[in-house]
Amino acid sequence: MPRWFLIPVALVCIAGSAVCAYLARPSVSPPTLEAVRPLCDVGEVGQGETKSVEFELVNHSSQPLEIKDVSTTCSCTNVNLAKRVLAPSKRVTLTADWRTGASRGKRATDLVVLFTPADGPPDRITLSVQGTVAPDVQYSPDRLDFDQEAAATKTVTFSPGRLATAAVKKARCTHRAFTATLAEGSNDVAVSFDPAKWEVSDDSLPPGSIGFLEVETTSPHEPICRIPLGVR
């Protein structure tokens, strides 16, 4: 058989193998319940605000399904659902009220929708709400770190945020090696570290548990600001 005749035969075999591989691949089942928009970004909001968002859920299966529960990763979220049983191709609106409380900065919470198809096992989908919480009171820096061997004083500056009249009332530190002093006539808080008051047992404290600078402000939503203190 001429060699040139083998080329078309080889091409036919390769094409046949590709078709077989395509047909043999595992099928991906389409989701039975799906959110039209699973992520809702509310943008910038203030502390103490409640933001209402809506998610539209669609039953893509050929059977009815029942929404059993909607759980949230944050206790500051209320959820309302107009109905729990969805016929095929039907839609329902899920409303979530996100309360920002005393949080600040970028925040997000998830809502897990648990449902049961008529002809299948229980399943779930995840919805998300995110936004940036602008605080009543701004402060900088948001953490103070000190050298274990050296006495030092560092300052945290507070200024009005969403609350134009925000001011500092009192300041204290939760660890004995630190002292807080509120500067007269300003919103600056000076924190002094005394190495002589740092004990050997303090070396075993895990990060984040050494102590805090606690500052009382006039904010109705975050009356106590807690700035972490660290020693290296």
C-alpha atoms as a PDB file:
ATOM      1  CA  MET A   1       0.000   0.000   0.000  1.00  0.00           C
ATOM      2  CA  PRO A   2       1.437   3.395  -0.927  1.00  0.00           C
ATOM      3  CA  ARG A   3       2.504   5.586   1.998  1.00  0.00           C
ATOM      4  CA  TRP A   4       0.497   8.521   0.736  1.00  0.00           C
ATOM      5  CA  PHE A   5      -2.629   6.393   1.163  1.00  0.00           C
ATOM      6  CA  LEU A   6      -1.938   6.083   4.912  1.00  0.00           C
ATOM      7  CA  ILE A   7      -2.313   9.817   5.531  1.00  0.00           C
ATOM      8  CA  PRO A   8      -6.118  10.035   4.926  1.00  0.00           C
ATOM      9  CA  VAL A   9      -6.586   6.863   6.949  1.00  0.00           C
ATOM     10  CA  ALA A  10      -4.680   8.367   9.892  1.00  0.00           C
ATOM     11  CA  LEU A  11      -6.723  11.577   9.715  1.00  0.00           C
ATOM     12  CA  VAL A  12      -9.964   9.593   9.781  1.00  0.00           C
ATOM     13  CA  CYS A  13      -8.769   7.660  12.841  1.00  0.00           C
ATOM     14  CA  ILE A  14      -7.780  10.857  14.675  1.00  0.00           C
ATOM     15  CA  ALA A  15     -11.152  12.462  13.936  1.00  0.00           C
ATOM     16  CA  GLY A  16     -12.956   9.343  15.097  1.00  0.00           C
ATOM     17  CA  SER A  17     -10.986   9.301  18.350  1.00  0.00           C
ATOM     18  CA  ALA A  18     -11.811  12.946  19.006  1.00  0.00           C
ATOM     19  CA  VAL A  19     -15.527  12.303  18.499  1.00  0.00           C
ATOM     20  CA  CYS A  20     -15.428   9.302  20.842  1.00  0.00           C
ATOM     21  CA  ALA A  21     -13.592  11.303  23.497  1.00  0.00           C
ATOM     22  CA  TYR A  22     -16.152  14.103  23.253  1.00  0.00           C
ATOM     23  CA  LEU A  23     -19.073  11.675  23.584  1.00  0.00           C
ATOM     24  CA  ALA A  24     -17.413   9.864  26.485  1.00  0.00           C
ATOM     25  CA  ARG A  25     -16.762  12.959  28.604  1.00  0.00           C
ATOM     26  CA  PRO A  26     -18.902  13.276  31.743  1.00  0.00           C
ATOM     27  CA  SER A  27     -22.004  15.382  31.286  1.00  0.00           C
ATOM     28  CA  VAL A  28     -22.429  18.493  33.431  1.00  0.00           C
ATOM     29  CA  SER A  29     -25.924  18.841  34.774  1.00  0.00           C
ATOM     30  CA  PRO A  30     -27.331  22.362  34.594  1.00  0.00           C
ATOM     31  CA  PRO A  31     -28.203  23.926  37.942  1.00  0.00           C
ATOM     32  CA  THR A  32     -31.772  23.278  39.057  1.00  0.00           C
ATOM     33  CA  LEU A  33     -32.030  26.529  41.043  1.00  0.00           C
ATOM     34  CA  GLU A  34     -30.069  29.556  39.906  1.00  0.00           C
ATOM     35  CA  ALA A  35     -29.796  33.217  40.845  1.00  0.00           C
ATOM     36  CA  VAL A  36     -30.061  35.741  38.024  1.00  0.00           C
ATOM     37  CA  ARG A  37     -27.468  37.848  39.863  1.00  0.00           C
ATOM     38  CA  PRO A  38     -25.764  35.962  42.717  1.00  0.00           C
ATOM     39  CA  LEU A  39     -23.601  38.916  43.835  1.00  0.00           C
ATOM     40  CA  CYS A  40     -24.998  42.279  44.919  1.00  0.00           C
ATOM     41  CA  ASP A  41     -22.577  45.145  45.610  1.00  0.00           C
ATOM     42  CA  VAL A  42     -24.298  47.956  47.529  1.00  0.00           C
ATOM     43  CA  GLY A  43     -21.334  50.342  47.174  1.00  0.00           C
ATOM     44  CA  GLU A  44     -20.596  52.725  50.044  1.00  0.00           C
ATOM     45  CA  VAL A  45     -22.881  52.784  53.063  1.00  0.00           C
ATOM     46  CA  GLY A  46     -22.621  54.248  56.535  1.00  0.00           C
ATOM     47  CA  GLN A  47     -22.496  52.620  59.941  1.00  0.00           C
ATOM     48  CA  GLY A  48     -25.892  51.892  61.462  1.00  0.00           C
ATOM     49  CA  GLU A  49     -27.582  51.699  58.052  1.00  0.00           C
ATOM     50  CA  THR A  50     -29.855  48.988  56.674  1.00  0.00           C
ATOM     51  CA  LYS A  51     -29.543  48.175  52.981  1.00  0.00           C
ATOM     52  CA  SER A  52     -32.272  46.128  51.296  1.00  0.00           C
ATOM     53  CA  VAL A  53     -31.225  43.983  48.322  1.00  0.00           C
ATOM     54  CA  GLU A  54     -33.104  41.549  46.093  1.00  0.00           C
ATOM     55  CA  PHE A  55     -32.090  38.275  44.435  1.00  0.00           C
ATOM     56  CA  GLU A  56     -34.208  36.648  41.730  1.00  0.00           C
ATOM     57  CA  LEU A  57     -34.169  32.829  41.849  1.00  0.00           C
ATOM     58  CA  VAL A  58     -35.230  30.658  38.892  1.00  0.00           C
ATOM     59  CA  ASN A  59     -36.195  26.969  38.830  1.00  0.00           C
ATOM     60  CA  HIS A  60     -34.474  25.550  35.729  1.00  0.00           C
ATOM     61  CA  SER A  61     -35.481  21.944  36.374  1.00  0.00           C
ATOM     62  CA  SER A  62     -38.457  20.082  34.902  1.00  0.00           C
ATOM     63  CA  GLN A  63     -39.794  19.316  38.367  1.00  0.00           C
ATOM     64  CA  PRO A  64     -41.003  21.477  41.261  1.00  0.00           C
ATOM     65  CA  LEU A  65     -38.497  22.240  43.992  1.00  0.00           C
ATOM     66  CA  GLU A  66     -38.827  23.445  47.552  1.00  0.00           C
ATOM     67  CA  ILE A  67     -36.611  25.996  49.269  1.00  0.00           C
ATOM     68  CA  LYS A  68     -36.058  24.572  52.731  1.00  0.00           C
ATOM     69  CA  ASP A  69     -33.996  27.287  54.393  1.00  0.00           C
ATOM     70  CA  VAL A  70     -31.838  30.371  53.867  1.00  0.00           C
ATOM     71  CA  SER A  71     -28.907  30.663  56.257  1.00  0.00           C
ATOM     72  CA  THR A  72     -26.561  33.637  56.551  1.00  0.00           C
ATOM     73  CA  THR A  73     -22.947  34.037  57.628  1.00  0.00           C
ATOM     74  CA  CYS A  74     -23.799  37.176  59.563  1.00  0.00           C
ATOM     75  CA  SER A  75     -26.412  37.767  62.253  1.00  0.00           C
ATOM     76  CA  CYS A  76     -26.885  41.292  60.881  1.00  0.00           C
ATOM     77  CA  THR A  77     -28.850  40.041  57.850  1.00  0.00           C
ATOM     78  CA  ASN A  78     -32.626  39.459  57.710  1.00  0.00           C
ATOM     79  CA  VAL A  79     -34.065  37.380  54.858  1.00  0.00           C
ATOM     80  CA  ASN A  80     -37.586  37.295  53.421  1.00  0.00           C
ATOM     81  CA  LEU A  81     -38.896  34.856  50.794  1.00  0.00           C
ATOM     82  CA  ALA A  82     -42.302  35.285  49.134  1.00  0.00           C
ATOM     83  CA  LYS A  83     -42.799  31.551  48.498  1.00  0.00           C
ATOM     84  CA  ARG A  84     -40.840  28.358  49.012  1.00  0.00           C
ATOM     85  CA  VAL A  85     -42.222  25.956  46.381  1.00  0.00           C
ATOM     86  CA  LEU A  86     -41.288  26.756  42.774  1.00  0.00           C
ATOM     87  CA  ALA A  87     -42.833  25.104  39.727  1.00  0.00           C
ATOM     88  CA  PRO A  88     -40.599  24.511  36.675  1.00  0.00           C
ATOM     89  CA  SER A  89     -39.435  27.784  35.031  1.00  0.00           C
ATOM     90  CA  LYS A  90     -41.007  29.851  37.809  1.00  0.00           C
ATOM     91  CA  ARG A  91     -39.213  32.642  39.674  1.00  0.00           C
ATOM     92  CA  VAL A  92     -39.211  34.012  43.200  1.00  0.00           C
ATOM     93  CA  THR A  93     -37.662  37.123  44.748  1.00  0.00           C
ATOM     94  CA  LEU A  94     -35.544  36.763  47.875  1.00  0.00           C
ATOM     95  CA  THR A  95     -35.130  39.986  49.856  1.00  0.00           C
ATOM     96  CA  ALA A  96     -32.246  40.497  52.273  1.00  0.00           C
ATOM     97  CA  ASP A  97     -31.886  43.410  54.716  1.00  0.00           C
ATOM     98  CA  TRP A  98     -28.196  43.963  55.487  1.00  0.00           C
ATOM     99  CA  ARG A  99     -27.521  45.956  58.653  1.00  0.00           C
ATOM    100  CA  THR A 100     -24.018  47.454  58.802  1.00  0.00           C
ATOM    101  CA  GLY A 101     -23.988  48.040  62.565  1.00  0.00           C
ATOM    102  CA  ALA A 102     -20.548  49.019  63.896  1.00  0.00           C
ATOM    103  CA  SER A 103     -18.568  47.407  61.067  1.00  0.00           C
ATOM    104  CA  ARG A 104     -16.153  49.455  58.963  1.00  0.00           C
ATOM    105  CA  GLY A 105     -14.309  49.041  55.673  1.00  0.00           C
ATOM    106  CA  LYS A 106     -14.994  46.355  53.073  1.00  0.00           C
ATOM    107  CA  ARG A 107     -17.553  43.852  54.299  1.00  0.00           C
ATOM    108  CA  ALA A 108     -19.411  40.910  52.792  1.00  0.00           C
ATOM    109  CA  THR A 109     -21.968  38.362  53.892  1.00  0.00           C
ATOM    110  CA  ASP A 110     -23.160  35.163  52.227  1.00  0.00           C
ATOM    111  CA  LEU A 111     -26.646  33.716  52.052  1.00  0.00           C
ATOM    112  CA  VAL A 112     -26.858  29.952  51.523  1.00  0.00           C
ATOM    113  CA  VAL A 113     -30.126  28.804  49.947  1.00  0.00           C
ATOM    114  CA  LEU A 114     -30.917  25.161  50.791  1.00  0.00           C
ATOM    115  CA  PHE A 115     -33.414  23.476  48.472  1.00  0.00           C
ATOM    116  CA  THR A 116     -34.707  20.044  47.522  1.00  0.00           C
ATOM    117  CA  PRO A 117     -35.652  19.098  43.938  1.00  0.00           C
ATOM    118  CA  ALA A 118     -38.617  16.761  43.548  1.00  0.00           C
ATOM    119  CA  ASP A 119     -36.480  14.095  41.860  1.00  0.00           C
ATOM    120  CA  GLY A 120     -33.058  14.667  43.432  1.00  0.00           C
ATOM    121  CA  PRO A 121     -31.002  15.064  46.611  1.00  0.00           C
ATOM    122  CA  PRO A 122     -30.859  18.306  48.647  1.00  0.00           C
ATOM    123  CA  ASP A 123     -28.700  21.020  47.126  1.00  0.00           C
ATOM    124  CA  ARG A 124     -27.619  24.605  47.767  1.00  0.00           C
ATOM    125  CA  ILE A 125     -26.585  27.826  46.074  1.00  0.00           C
ATOM    126  CA  THR A 126     -24.710  30.774  47.577  1.00  0.00           C
ATOM    127  CA  LEU A 127     -25.647  34.445  47.245  1.00  0.00           C
ATOM    128  CA  SER A 128     -23.418  37.317  48.375  1.00  0.00           C
ATOM    129  CA  VAL A 129     -23.908  40.902  49.520  1.00  0.00           C
ATOM    130  CA  GLN A 130     -20.887  43.175  49.752  1.00  0.00           C
ATOM    131  CA  GLY A 131     -20.130  46.844  50.282  1.00  0.00           C
ATOM    132  CA  THR A 132     -17.799  49.365  51.890  1.00  0.00           C
ATOM    133  CA  VAL A 133     -18.877  50.718  55.279  1.00  0.00           C
ATOM    134  CA  ALA A 134     -17.811  54.323  55.844  1.00  0.00           C
ATOM    135  CA  PRO A 135     -17.394  54.814  59.632  1.00  0.00           C
ATOM    136  CA  ASP A 136     -18.673  57.694  61.719  1.00  0.00           C
ATOM    137  CA  VAL A 137     -15.110  58.260  62.964  1.00  0.00           C
ATOM    138  CA  GLN A 138     -11.894  57.774  61.009  1.00  0.00           C
ATOM    139  CA  TYR A 139      -8.571  56.905  62.632  1.00  0.00           C
ATOM    140  CA  SER A 140      -5.029  56.280  61.461  1.00  0.00           C
ATOM    141  CA  PRO A 141      -3.081  54.066  61.791  1.00  0.00           C
ATOM    142  CA  ASP A 142      -5.379  51.095  62.411  1.00  0.00           C
ATOM    143  CA  ARG A 143      -2.709  49.199  64.396  1.00  0.00           C
ATOM    144  CA  LEU A 144       0.276  50.070  66.610  1.00  0.00           C
ATOM    145  CA  ASP A 145       3.405  47.883  66.802  1.00  0.00           C
ATOM    146  CA  PHE A 146       6.286  48.404  69.238  1.00  0.00           C
ATOM    147  CA  ASP A 147       9.814  47.041  69.716  1.00  0.00           C
ATOM    148  CA  GLN A 148       9.936  44.811  72.793  1.00  0.00           C
ATOM    149  CA  GLU A 149      13.317  46.233  73.841  1.00  0.00           C
ATOM    150  CA  ALA A 150      12.619  49.968  73.456  1.00  0.00           C
ATOM    151  CA  ALA A 151      10.329  52.433  75.161  1.00  0.00           C
ATOM    152  CA  ALA A 152       8.385  54.419  72.617  1.00  0.00           C
ATOM    153  CA  THR A 153       5.315  56.582  72.101  1.00  0.00           C
ATOM    154  CA  LYS A 154       3.118  56.474  69.007  1.00  0.00           C
ATOM    155  CA  THR A 155       0.038  58.475  68.094  1.00  0.00           C
ATOM    156  CA  VAL A 156      -3.330  57.544  66.639  1.00  0.00           C
ATOM    157  CA  THR A 157      -5.131  60.452  64.975  1.00  0.00           C
ATOM    158  CA  PHE A 158      -8.937  60.513  65.006  1.00  0.00           C
ATOM    159  CA  SER A 159     -11.033  62.643  62.670  1.00  0.00           C
ATOM    160  CA  PRO A 160     -14.699  62.964  61.652  1.00  0.00           C
ATOM    161  CA  GLY A 161     -15.951  60.486  59.056  1.00  0.00           C
ATOM    162  CA  ARG A 162     -19.630  60.232  58.125  1.00  0.00           C
ATOM    163  CA  LEU A 163     -20.387  61.942  61.427  1.00  0.00           C
ATOM    164  CA  ALA A 164     -19.190  65.518  60.984  1.00  0.00           C
ATOM    165  CA  THR A 165     -19.191  66.299  64.707  1.00  0.00           C
ATOM    166  CA  ALA A 166     -17.386  63.141  65.837  1.00  0.00           C
ATOM    167  CA  ALA A 167     -14.963  63.572  68.708  1.00  0.00           C
ATOM    168  CA  VAL A 168     -12.909  61.523  71.168  1.00  0.00           C
ATOM    169  CA  LYS A 169     -14.034  61.385  74.819  1.00  0.00           C
ATOM    170  CA  LYS A 170     -11.742  58.912  76.619  1.00  0.00           C
ATOM    171  CA  ALA A 171      -8.906  56.499  75.877  1.00  0.00           C
ATOM    172  CA  ARG A 172      -7.363  53.517  77.671  1.00  0.00           C
ATOM    173  CA  CYS A 173      -5.165  50.486  76.947  1.00  0.00           C
ATOM    174  CA  THR A 174      -6.098  46.952  77.978  1.00  0.00           C
ATOM    175  CA  HIS A 175      -2.509  45.779  78.593  1.00  0.00           C
ATOM    176  CA  ARG A 176      -0.412  46.977  81.552  1.00  0.00           C
ATOM    177  CA  ALA A 177       2.640  47.758  79.379  1.00  0.00           C
ATOM    178  CA  PHE A 178       0.760  50.450  77.445  1.00  0.00           C
ATOM    179  CA  THR A 179      -0.570  53.833  78.540  1.00  0.00           C
ATOM    180  CA  ALA A 180      -2.996  56.012  76.556  1.00  0.00           C
ATOM    181  CA  THR A 181      -3.044  59.794  76.778  1.00  0.00           C
ATOM    182  CA  LEU A 182      -5.624  62.001  75.080  1.00  0.00           C
ATOM    183  CA  ALA A 183      -4.017  65.197  73.840  1.00  0.00           C
ATOM    184  CA  GLU A 184      -5.736  68.264  75.243  1.00  0.00           C
ATOM    185  CA  GLY A 185      -7.769  70.188  72.687  1.00  0.00           C
ATOM    186  CA  SER A 186      -7.365  67.566  69.949  1.00  0.00           C
ATOM    187  CA  ASN A 187      -8.508  64.118  68.907  1.00  0.00           C
ATOM    188  CA  ASP A 188      -4.995  62.627  68.976  1.00  0.00           C
ATOM    189  CA  VAL A 189      -4.314  59.702  71.325  1.00  0.00           C
ATOM    190  CA  ALA A 190      -0.702  58.990  72.317  1.00  0.00           C
ATOM    191  CA  VAL A 191       0.151  55.413  73.286  1.00  0.00           C
ATOM    192  CA  SER A 192       3.330  54.808  75.294  1.00  0.00           C
ATOM    193  CA  PHE A 193       4.992  51.397  75.652  1.00  0.00           C
ATOM    194  CA  ASP A 194       7.047  50.559  78.773  1.00  0.00           C
ATOM    195  CA  PRO A 195       9.321  47.496  78.243  1.00  0.00           C
ATOM    196  CA  ALA A 196       9.757  47.144  82.032  1.00  0.00           C
ATOM    197  CA  LYS A 197       6.095  46.162  82.308  1.00  0.00           C
ATOM    198  CA  TRP A 198       6.377  43.520  79.594  1.00  0.00           C
ATOM    199  CA  GLU A 199       6.677  40.144  81.316  1.00  0.00           C
ATOM    200  CA  VAL A 200       8.145  36.848  80.108  1.00  0.00           C
ATOM    201  CA  SER A 201       4.688  35.269  80.081  1.00  0.00           C
ATOM    202  CA  ASP A 202       3.579  37.909  77.574  1.00  0.00           C
ATOM    203  CA  ASP A 203       5.938  36.429  74.973  1.00  0.00           C
ATOM    204  CA  SER A 204       3.612  33.433  74.587  1.00  0.00           C
ATOM    205  CA  LEU A 205       0.554  35.540  73.799  1.00  0.00           C
ATOM    206  CA  PRO A 206      -0.761  34.740  70.309  1.00  0.00           C
ATOM    207  CA  PRO A 207      -0.958  37.566  67.738  1.00  0.00           C
ATOM    208  CA  GLY A 208      -4.087  39.631  68.140  1.00  0.00           C
ATOM    209  CA  SER A 209      -4.501  38.938  71.857  1.00  0.00           C
ATOM    210  CA  ILE A 210      -1.813  41.237  73.285  1.00  0.00           C
ATOM    211  CA  GLY A 211      -4.172  44.119  73.900  1.00  0.00           C
ATOM    212  CA  PHE A 212      -6.047  47.052  72.459  1.00  0.00           C
ATOM    213  CA  LEU A 213      -6.229  50.793  72.552  1.00  0.00           C
ATOM    214  CA  GLU A 214      -9.886  51.417  73.409  1.00  0.00           C
ATOM    215  CA  VAL A 215     -11.128  54.882  72.508  1.00  0.00           C
ATOM    216  CA  GLU A 216     -14.552  56.157  73.477  1.00  0.00           C
ATOM    217  CA  THR A 217     -16.066  58.456  70.835  1.00  0.00           C
ATOM    218  CA  THR A 218     -19.308  60.328  70.264  1.00  0.00           C
ATOM    219  CA  SER A 219     -20.348  57.914  67.502  1.00  0.00           C
ATOM    220  CA  PRO A 220     -23.796  56.418  68.200  1.00  0.00           C
ATOM    221  CA  HIS A 221     -22.963  53.342  66.106  1.00  0.00           C
ATOM    222  CA  GLU A 222     -19.388  52.571  67.185  1.00  0.00           C
ATOM    223  CA  PRO A 223     -18.957  54.258  70.567  1.00  0.00           C
ATOM    224  CA  ILE A 224     -15.792  52.251  71.322  1.00  0.00           C
ATOM    225  CA  CYS A 225     -13.035  51.981  68.691  1.00  0.00           C
ATOM    226  CA  ARG A 226     -10.542  49.170  69.350  1.00  0.00           C
ATOM    227  CA  ILE A 227      -7.081  49.461  67.782  1.00  0.00           C
ATOM    228  CA  PRO A 228      -4.845  46.353  68.128  1.00  0.00           C
ATOM    229  CA  LEU A 229      -1.491  46.703  69.909  1.00  0.00           C
ATOM    230  CA  GLY A 230       1.502  44.569  68.962  1.00  0.00           C
ATOM    231  CA  VAL A 231       5.005  43.905  70.280  1.00  0.00           C
ATOM    232  CA  ARG A 232       7.815  42.462  68.143  1.00  0.00           C
END
